[in-house]
Every structure is written in C-alpha cells, then in structure tokens.
Amino acid sequence: AYHESGHAVVAKLLPKTDPVHKVTIIPRGRAL
C-alpha cells in the first residue's frame, strides 16, 4: 500500500506524467 501510494503521489505531483487511472494492492501476476 505504501509502495503503490509512493508511485501514485509522485505521478500526481509531477508535470508531464500520465494521469493515474487506478491504484491497487491486489496482486496481479508477479506484481504485488
């Protein structure tokens, strides 16, 4: 939860990043 929140907050704060569409902590494949 903290890991993904870190990605999302940095992405929201920086210009020239793509919009954050979704954040999840449900494991997908090899990703937690």
All heavy atoms as atom14 arrays in JSON, in Angstrom:
{
  "sequence": "AYHESGHAVVAKLLPKTDPVHKVTIIPRGRAL",
  "atom14_mask": [
    [1, 1, 1, 1, 1, 0, 0, 0, 0, 0, 0, 0, 0, 0],
    [1, 1, 1, 1, 1, 1, 1, 1, 1, 1, 1, 1, 0, 0],
    [1, 1, 1, 1, 1, 1, 1, 1, 1, 1, 0, 0, 0, 0],
    [1, 1, 1, 1, 1, 1, 1, 1, 1, 0, 0, 0, 0, 0],
    [1, 1, 1, 1, 1, 1, 0, 0, 0, 0, 0, 0, 0, 0],
    [1, 1, 1, 1, 0, 0, 0, 0, 0, 0, 0, 0, 0, 0],
    [1, 1, 1, 1, 1, 1, 1, 1, 1, 1, 0, 0, 0, 0],
    [1, 1, 1, 1, 1, 0, 0, 0, 0, 0, 0, 0, 0, 0],
    [1, 1, 1, 1, 1, 1, 1, 0, 0, 0, 0, 0, 0, 0],
    [1, 1, 1, 1, 1, 1, 1, 0, 0, 0, 0, 0, 0, 0],
    [1, 1, 1, 1, 1, 0, 0, 0, 0, 0, 0, 0, 0, 0],
    [1, 1, 1, 1, 1, 1, 1, 1, 1, 0, 0, 0, 0, 0],
    [1, 1, 1, 1, 1, 1, 1, 1, 0, 0, 0, 0, 0, 0],
    [1, 1, 1, 1, 1, 1, 1, 1, 0, 0, 0, 0, 0, 0],
    [1, 1, 1, 1, 1, 1, 1, 0, 0, 0, 0, 0, 0, 0],
    [1, 1, 1, 1, 1, 1, 1, 1, 1, 0, 0, 0, 0, 0],
    [1, 1, 1, 1, 1, 1, 1, 0, 0, 0, 0, 0, 0, 0],
    [1, 1, 1, 1, 1, 1, 1, 1, 0, 0, 0, 0, 0, 0],
    [1, 1, 1, 1, 1, 1, 1, 0, 0, 0, 0, 0, 0, 0],
    [1, 1, 1, 1, 1, 1, 1, 0, 0, 0, 0, 0, 0, 0],
    [1, 1, 1, 1, 1, 1, 1, 1, 1, 1, 0, 0, 0, 0],
    [1, 1, 1, 1, 1, 1, 1, 1, 1, 0, 0, 0, 0, 0],
    [1, 1, 1, 1, 1, 1, 1, 0, 0, 0, 0, 0, 0, 0],
    [1, 1, 1, 1, 1, 1, 1, 0, 0, 0, 0, 0, 0, 0],
    [1, 1, 1, 1, 1, 1, 1, 1, 0, 0, 0, 0, 0, 0],
    [1, 1, 1, 1, 1, 1, 1, 1, 0, 0, 0, 0, 0, 0],
    [1, 1, 1, 1, 1, 1, 1, 0, 0, 0, 0, 0, 0, 0],
    [1, 1, 1, 1, 1, 1, 1, 1, 1, 1, 1, 0, 0, 0],
    [1, 1, 1, 1, 0, 0, 0, 0, 0, 0, 0, 0, 0, 0],
    [1, 1, 1, 1, 1, 1, 1, 1, 1, 1, 1, 0, 0, 0],
    [1, 1, 1, 1, 1, 0, 0, 0, 0, 0, 0, 0, 0, 0],
    [1, 1, 1, 1, 1, 1, 1, 1, 0, 0, 0, 0, 0, 0]
  ],
  "atom14_positions": [
    [[0.83, -1.21, 0.0], [0.0, 0.0, 0.0], [0.87, 1.26, 0.0], [0.6, 2.21, -0.75], [-0.94, 0.0, 1.2], [0.0, 0.0, 0.0], [0.0, 0.0, 0.0], [0.0, 0.0, 0.0], [0.0, 0.0, 0.0], [0.0, 0.0, 0.0], [0.0, 0.0, 0.0], [0.0, 0.0, 0.0], [0.0, 0.0, 0.0], [0.0, 0.0, 0.0]],
    [[1.9, 1.27, 0.81], [2.8, 2.44, 0.82], [3.58, 2.53, -0.48], [3.76, 3.62, -1.04], [3.74, 2.4, 2.03], [3.05, 2.89, 3.28], [2.65, 2.0, 4.26], [2.78, 4.24, 3.45], [2.0, 2.46, 5.4], [2.13, 4.71, 4.59], [1.75, 3.8, 5.56], [1.1, 4.25, 6.68], [0.0, 0.0, 0.0], [0.0, 0.0, 0.0]],
    [[4.06, 1.39, -0.98], [4.82, 1.36, -2.23], [3.99, 1.97, -3.37], [4.45, 2.89, -4.06], [5.22, -0.09, -2.54], [6.05, -0.24, -3.77], [7.4, -0.46, -3.72], [5.72, -0.22, -5.09], [7.87, -0.56, -4.95], [6.86, -0.42, -5.81], [0.0, 0.0, 0.0], [0.0, 0.0, 0.0], [0.0, 0.0, 0.0], [0.0, 0.0, 0.0]],
    [[2.79, 1.48, -3.55], [1.95, 1.97, -4.65], [1.53, 3.42, -4.42], [1.43, 4.2, -5.37], [0.74, 1.06, -4.85], [1.08, -0.36, -5.24], [1.98, -0.49, -6.46], [1.92, 0.37, -7.36], [2.76, -1.46, -6.52], [0.0, 0.0, 0.0], [0.0, 0.0, 0.0], [0.0, 0.0, 0.0], [0.0, 0.0, 0.0], [0.0, 0.0, 0.0]],
    [[1.3, 3.79, -3.17], [0.97, 5.19, -2.86], [2.12, 6.11, -3.22], [1.9, 7.23, -3.71], [0.62, 5.34, -1.37], [-0.54, 4.61, -1.06], [0.0, 0.0, 0.0], [0.0, 0.0, 0.0], [0.0, 0.0, 0.0], [0.0, 0.0, 0.0], [0.0, 0.0, 0.0], [0.0, 0.0, 0.0], [0.0, 0.0, 0.0], [0.0, 0.0, 0.0]],
    [[3.35, 5.66, -2.99], [4.52, 6.45, -3.36], [4.57, 6.72, -4.85], [4.8, 7.85, -5.29], [0.0, 0.0, 0.0], [0.0, 0.0, 0.0], [0.0, 0.0, 0.0], [0.0, 0.0, 0.0], [0.0, 0.0, 0.0], [0.0, 0.0, 0.0], [0.0, 0.0, 0.0], [0.0, 0.0, 0.0], [0.0, 0.0, 0.0], [0.0, 0.0, 0.0]],
    [[4.35, 5.67, -5.65], [4.29, 5.85, -7.11], [3.21, 6.87, -7.48], [3.44, 7.79, -8.27], [3.95, 4.54, -7.82], [5.03, 3.53, -7.88], [6.32, 3.8, -8.3], [5.02, 2.2, -7.59], [7.04, 2.69, -8.27], [6.27, 1.71, -7.84], [0.0, 0.0, 0.0], [0.0, 0.0, 0.0], [0.0, 0.0, 0.0], [0.0, 0.0, 0.0]],
    [[2.01, 6.68, -6.94], [0.86, 7.49, -7.33], [1.03, 8.96, -6.95], [0.72, 9.85, -7.75], [-0.42, 6.92, -6.72], [0.0, 0.0, 0.0], [0.0, 0.0, 0.0], [0.0, 0.0, 0.0], [0.0, 0.0, 0.0], [0.0, 0.0, 0.0], [0.0, 0.0, 0.0], [0.0, 0.0, 0.0], [0.0, 0.0, 0.0], [0.0, 0.0, 0.0]],
    [[1.52, 9.21, -5.75], [1.67, 10.6, -5.3], [2.71, 11.33, -6.14], [2.49, 12.46, -6.58], [1.99, 10.66, -3.79], [2.45, 12.05, -3.37], [0.76, 10.24, -2.98], [0.0, 0.0, 0.0], [0.0, 0.0, 0.0], [0.0, 0.0, 0.0], [0.0, 0.0, 0.0], [0.0, 0.0, 0.0], [0.0, 0.0, 0.0], [0.0, 0.0, 0.0]],
    [[3.83, 10.7, -6.42], [4.85, 11.33, -7.27], [4.28, 11.58, -8.66], [4.47, 12.66, -9.24], [6.15, 10.5, -7.32], [7.14, 11.09, -8.33], [6.79, 10.42, -5.94], [0.0, 0.0, 0.0], [0.0, 0.0, 0.0], [0.0, 0.0, 0.0], [0.0, 0.0, 0.0], [0.0, 0.0, 0.0], [0.0, 0.0, 0.0], [0.0, 0.0, 0.0]],
    [[3.55, 10.61, -9.2], [2.96, 10.77, -10.53], [1.95, 11.92, -10.56], [1.87, 12.65, -11.55], [2.28, 9.48, -10.98], [0.0, 0.0, 0.0], [0.0, 0.0, 0.0], [0.0, 0.0, 0.0], [0.0, 0.0, 0.0], [0.0, 0.0, 0.0], [0.0, 0.0, 0.0], [0.0, 0.0, 0.0], [0.0, 0.0, 0.0], [0.0, 0.0, 0.0]],
    [[1.18, 12.09, -9.5], [0.19, 13.17, -9.45], [0.86, 14.54, -9.32], [0.32, 15.53, -9.8], [-0.78, 12.97, -8.28], [-1.72, 11.8, -8.42], [-2.72, 11.96, -9.52], [-3.74, 13.02, -9.24], [-4.7, 13.21, -10.33], [0.0, 0.0, 0.0], [0.0, 0.0, 0.0], [0.0, 0.0, 0.0], [0.0, 0.0, 0.0], [0.0, 0.0, 0.0]],
    [[2.0, 14.61, -8.68], [2.62, 15.9, -8.4], [3.53, 16.43, -9.5], [3.76, 17.63, -9.58], [3.42, 15.8, -7.09], [2.58, 15.6, -5.83], [3.49, 15.31, -4.63], [1.72, 16.83, -5.57], [0.0, 0.0, 0.0], [0.0, 0.0, 0.0], [0.0, 0.0, 0.0], [0.0, 0.0, 0.0], [0.0, 0.0, 0.0], [0.0, 0.0, 0.0]],
    [[4.04, 15.55, -10.33], [4.97, 15.99, -11.37], [4.24, 16.33, -12.66], [3.31, 15.62, -13.06], [6.01, 14.9, -11.66], [7.1, 14.73, -10.63], [7.99, 13.54, -11.0], [7.94, 15.99, -10.49], [0.0, 0.0, 0.0], [0.0, 0.0, 0.0], [0.0, 0.0, 0.0], [0.0, 0.0, 0.0], [0.0, 0.0, 0.0], [0.0, 0.0, 0.0]],
    [[4.68, 17.39, -13.33], [4.13, 17.65, -14.66], [4.67, 16.61, -15.64], [5.65, 15.92, -15.36], [4.66, 19.05, -14.99], [5.9, 19.19, -14.18], [5.68, 18.37, -12.94], [0.0, 0.0, 0.0], [0.0, 0.0, 0.0], [0.0, 0.0, 0.0], [0.0, 0.0, 0.0], [0.0, 0.0, 0.0], [0.0, 0.0, 0.0], [0.0, 0.0, 0.0]],
    [[4.03, 16.5, -16.77], [4.47, 15.6, -17.84], [4.42, 14.12, -17.44], [5.21, 13.31, -17.91], [5.88, 15.95, -18.32], [5.95, 17.31, -18.99], [6.2, 17.13, -20.44], [6.32, 18.46, -21.14], [6.99, 18.39, -22.38], [0.0, 0.0, 0.0], [0.0, 0.0, 0.0], [0.0, 0.0, 0.0], [0.0, 0.0, 0.0], [0.0, 0.0, 0.0]],
    [[3.51, 13.76, -16.54], [3.26, 12.34, -16.27], [1.85, 12.05, -16.76], [1.01, 12.95, -16.86], [3.35, 12.0, -14.76], [2.42, 12.8, -14.04], [4.76, 12.22, -14.23], [0.0, 0.0, 0.0], [0.0, 0.0, 0.0], [0.0, 0.0, 0.0], [0.0, 0.0, 0.0], [0.0, 0.0, 0.0], [0.0, 0.0, 0.0], [0.0, 0.0, 0.0]],
    [[1.6, 10.79, -17.07], [0.27, 10.4, -17.5], [-0.66, 10.37, -16.28], [-0.22, 10.11, -15.16], [0.31, 9.01, -18.15], [1.03, 9.04, -19.49], [0.89, 10.03, -20.21], [1.72, 8.05, -19.8], [0.0, 0.0, 0.0], [0.0, 0.0, 0.0], [0.0, 0.0, 0.0], [0.0, 0.0, 0.0], [0.0, 0.0, 0.0], [0.0, 0.0, 0.0]],
    [[-1.95, 10.64, -16.48], [-2.9, 10.59, -15.37], [-2.93, 9.21, -14.7], [-2.89, 8.19, -15.38], [-4.25, 10.9, -16.04], [-3.9, 11.58, -17.32], [-2.58, 11.02, -17.75], [0.0, 0.0, 0.0], [0.0, 0.0, 0.0], [0.0, 0.0, 0.0], [0.0, 0.0, 0.0], [0.0, 0.0, 0.0], [0.0, 0.0, 0.0], [0.0, 0.0, 0.0]],
    [[-3.0, 9.23, -13.37], [-3.1, 7.97, -12.62], [-4.55, 7.52, -12.71], [-5.47, 8.19, -12.24], [-2.66, 8.15, -11.15], [-2.78, 6.82, -10.41], [-1.23, 8.68, -11.09], [0.0, 0.0, 0.0], [0.0, 0.0, 0.0], [0.0, 0.0, 0.0], [0.0, 0.0, 0.0], [0.0, 0.0, 0.0], [0.0, 0.0, 0.0], [0.0, 0.0, 0.0]],
    [[-4.74, 6.36, -13.34], [-6.07, 5.83, -13.61], [-6.57, 4.94, -12.47], [-7.74, 4.97, -12.11], [-6.02, 5.04, -14.92], [-7.27, 4.34, -15.3], [-8.39, 5.01, -15.7], [-7.59, 3.03, -15.31], [-9.35, 4.13, -15.95], [-8.89, 2.93, -15.72], [0.0, 0.0, 0.0], [0.0, 0.0, 0.0], [0.0, 0.0, 0.0], [0.0, 0.0, 0.0]],
    [[-5.66, 4.16, -11.9], [-6.05, 3.2, -10.87], [-4.83, 2.81, -10.05], [-3.72, 2.73, -10.57], [-6.63, 1.95, -11.53], [-7.15, 0.9, -10.55], [-7.58, -0.37, -11.27], [-8.88, -0.15, -12.0], [-9.45, -1.4, -12.51], [0.0, 0.0, 0.0], [0.0, 0.0, 0.0], [0.0, 0.0, 0.0], [0.0, 0.0, 0.0], [0.0, 0.0, 0.0]],
    [[-5.06, 2.55, -8.76], [-4.03, 2.02, -7.88], [-4.66, 0.85, -7.14], [-5.77, 0.96, -6.63], [-3.53, 3.08, -6.87], [-2.46, 2.49, -5.96], [-2.99, 4.31, -7.57], [0.0, 0.0, 0.0], [0.0, 0.0, 0.0], [0.0, 0.0, 0.0], [0.0, 0.0, 0.0], [0.0, 0.0, 0.0], [0.0, 0.0, 0.0], [0.0, 0.0, 0.0]],
    [[-3.94, -0.26, -7.09], [-4.47, -1.44, -6.4], [-3.37, -2.17, -5.64], [-2.21, -2.13, -6.04], [-5.17, -2.41, -7.39], [-5.74, -3.5, -6.65], [-4.2, -2.96, -8.43], [0.0, 0.0, 0.0], [0.0, 0.0, 0.0], [0.0, 0.0, 0.0], [0.0, 0.0, 0.0], [0.0, 0.0, 0.0], [0.0, 0.0, 0.0], [0.0, 0.0, 0.0]],
    [[-3.77, -2.82, -4.56], [-2.84, -3.7, -3.83], [-3.26, -5.16, -3.98], [-2.8, -6.02, -3.24], [-2.7, -3.3, -2.34], [-4.04, -3.35, -1.62], [-2.06, -1.91, -2.23], [-3.94, -3.2, -0.11], [0.0, 0.0, 0.0], [0.0, 0.0, 0.0], [0.0, 0.0, 0.0], [0.0, 0.0, 0.0], [0.0, 0.0, 0.0], [0.0, 0.0, 0.0]],
    [[-4.12, -5.41, -4.94], [-4.49, -6.79, -5.25], [-3.4, -7.35, -6.16], [-3.12, -6.77, -7.21], [-5.87, -6.85, -5.94], [-6.96, -6.32, -5.0], [-6.18, -8.29, -6.38], [-8.32, -6.17, -5.66], [0.0, 0.0, 0.0], [0.0, 0.0, 0.0], [0.0, 0.0, 0.0], [0.0, 0.0, 0.0], [0.0, 0.0, 0.0], [0.0, 0.0, 0.0]],
    [[-2.77, -8.45, -5.77], [-1.68, -8.99, -6.59], [-2.14, -9.33, -8.01], [-3.22, -9.85, -8.21], [-1.27, -10.27, -5.85], [-1.74, -10.07, -4.46], [-2.99, -9.24, -4.56], [0.0, 0.0, 0.0], [0.0, 0.0, 0.0], [0.0, 0.0, 0.0], [0.0, 0.0, 0.0], [0.0, 0.0, 0.0], [0.0, 0.0, 0.0], [0.0, 0.0, 0.0]],
    [[-1.3, -8.98, -8.98], [-1.56, -9.27, -10.39], [-0.3, -9.92, -10.96], [0.74, -9.27, -11.04], [-1.82, -7.98, -11.18], [-2.87, -7.11, -10.57], [-4.13, -7.19, -11.38], [-5.07, -6.16, -11.0], [-6.23, -6.39, -10.45], [-6.61, -7.62, -10.22], [-7.03, -5.4, -10.15], [0.0, 0.0, 0.0], [0.0, 0.0, 0.0], [0.0, 0.0, 0.0]],
    [[-0.38, -11.17, -11.32], [0.8, -11.86, -11.84], [1.9, -11.85, -10.81], [1.69, -12.21, -9.67], [0.0, 0.0, 0.0], [0.0, 0.0, 0.0], [0.0, 0.0, 0.0], [0.0, 0.0, 0.0], [0.0, 0.0, 0.0], [0.0, 0.0, 0.0], [0.0, 0.0, 0.0], [0.0, 0.0, 0.0], [0.0, 0.0, 0.0], [0.0, 0.0, 0.0]],
    [[3.08, -11.38, -11.21], [4.21, -11.31, -10.29], [4.21, -10.04, -9.45], [4.98, -9.91, -8.51], [5.52, -11.41, -11.07], [5.7, -12.78, -11.7], [6.96, -12.95, -12.5], [7.96, -11.92, -12.34], [8.82, -11.57, -13.26], [8.79, -12.15, -14.44], [9.71, -10.64, -13.03], [0.0, 0.0, 0.0], [0.0, 0.0, 0.0], [0.0, 0.0, 0.0]],
    [[3.36, -9.07, -9.79], [3.31, -7.8, -9.07], [2.4, -7.92, -7.85], [1.33, -8.49, -7.91], [2.79, -6.7, -9.99], [0.0, 0.0, 0.0], [0.0, 0.0, 0.0], [0.0, 0.0, 0.0], [0.0, 0.0, 0.0], [0.0, 0.0, 0.0], [0.0, 0.0, 0.0], [0.0, 0.0, 0.0], [0.0, 0.0, 0.0], [0.0, 0.0, 0.0]],
    [[2.86, -7.36, -6.72], [2.06, -7.37, -5.5], [0.98, -6.3, -5.54], [0.0, -6.37, -4.84], [2.96, -7.17, -4.28], [3.99, -8.27, -4.04], [4.86, -7.93, -2.86], [3.29, -9.6, -3.82], [0.0, 0.0, 0.0], [0.0, 0.0, 0.0], [0.0, 0.0, 0.0], [0.0, 0.0, 0.0], [0.0, 0.0, 0.0], [0.0, 0.0, 0.0]]
  ]
}
